[in-house]
Amino acid sequence: MDGVIQKKLLARRVVVLYGAIDSNMAERVINDLVTLVFEDPQKDIILLVDSNGGSAEESFRLYDYIRVLPNKVIGIVLGNCRSAAFVILQACNEKFSTENSIFLMHDVSASISYKSGDTLIDLQEKIAIRHARTKEIEKQIITIFCKASGLSEEQLHDLEKRGEYSD
C-alpha cells in the first residue's frame, strides 16, 4: 500500500491489515496501533482487513496486541479475511464486513524443510517437532474462536465438521 495513503488513513485512526501476514506486516500494524494509542487512548481505532492470511505466530501476536489496547478496535472486512486474518479479526471489539467479503478458516498445515544430508532420524525428529507445534497452534486457534463465539469446544467442532462455523 502506498505510504501517502497509509499516512492519510492513519490520521483518521484507520489501520490497514492488507496482504500476507508476516513479521514485516505485523510490525507495521503494531507500530500503527501503538501510535494511535499514544495519540488518544480513548478514541476508537478502525482496522480494515483484506488478507489471505499468513503466519499463525504473527496472527497470535497481532491478536494479543489488539486485545490489550485500551481503545475499542472495530474490524471491517473489505474483501478477504482468510486463515490468519480471520484469527486477528476475532480480537476486534466489533466486527463488520461488506456483503461480498470472503471468510475462510482451514486446518493448520505445516511444511518441513530438509537438507540432502539429513538422516531418517533427523527427518523423524523434525516431523515430530512440527507436528507438536501444529497441535499447539490448532489449540490456540480453537481457544480464540471459542472465546469470540461463546461456543464450547465441542460445539465448535460439531459446526466445523458440518462446515457451518461462522462468527
Foldseek 3Di string as FASTA:
>chain_A
DDPVVQVVCLVVQEHEQDEEQDPVSLVVRLVSLVVVCVVPLEEEHEYEYAYQYYDLVSLVVLLVSLQPRSHQYEYEYEAEQEASSVLSQLSHPHYYYDPPHDYYHDQDDDDFDDDPPDDPVNVVVRVVVVVVVSVVSVVVSLVSLCVSPVDDSVVVVVCVVVVRDDD
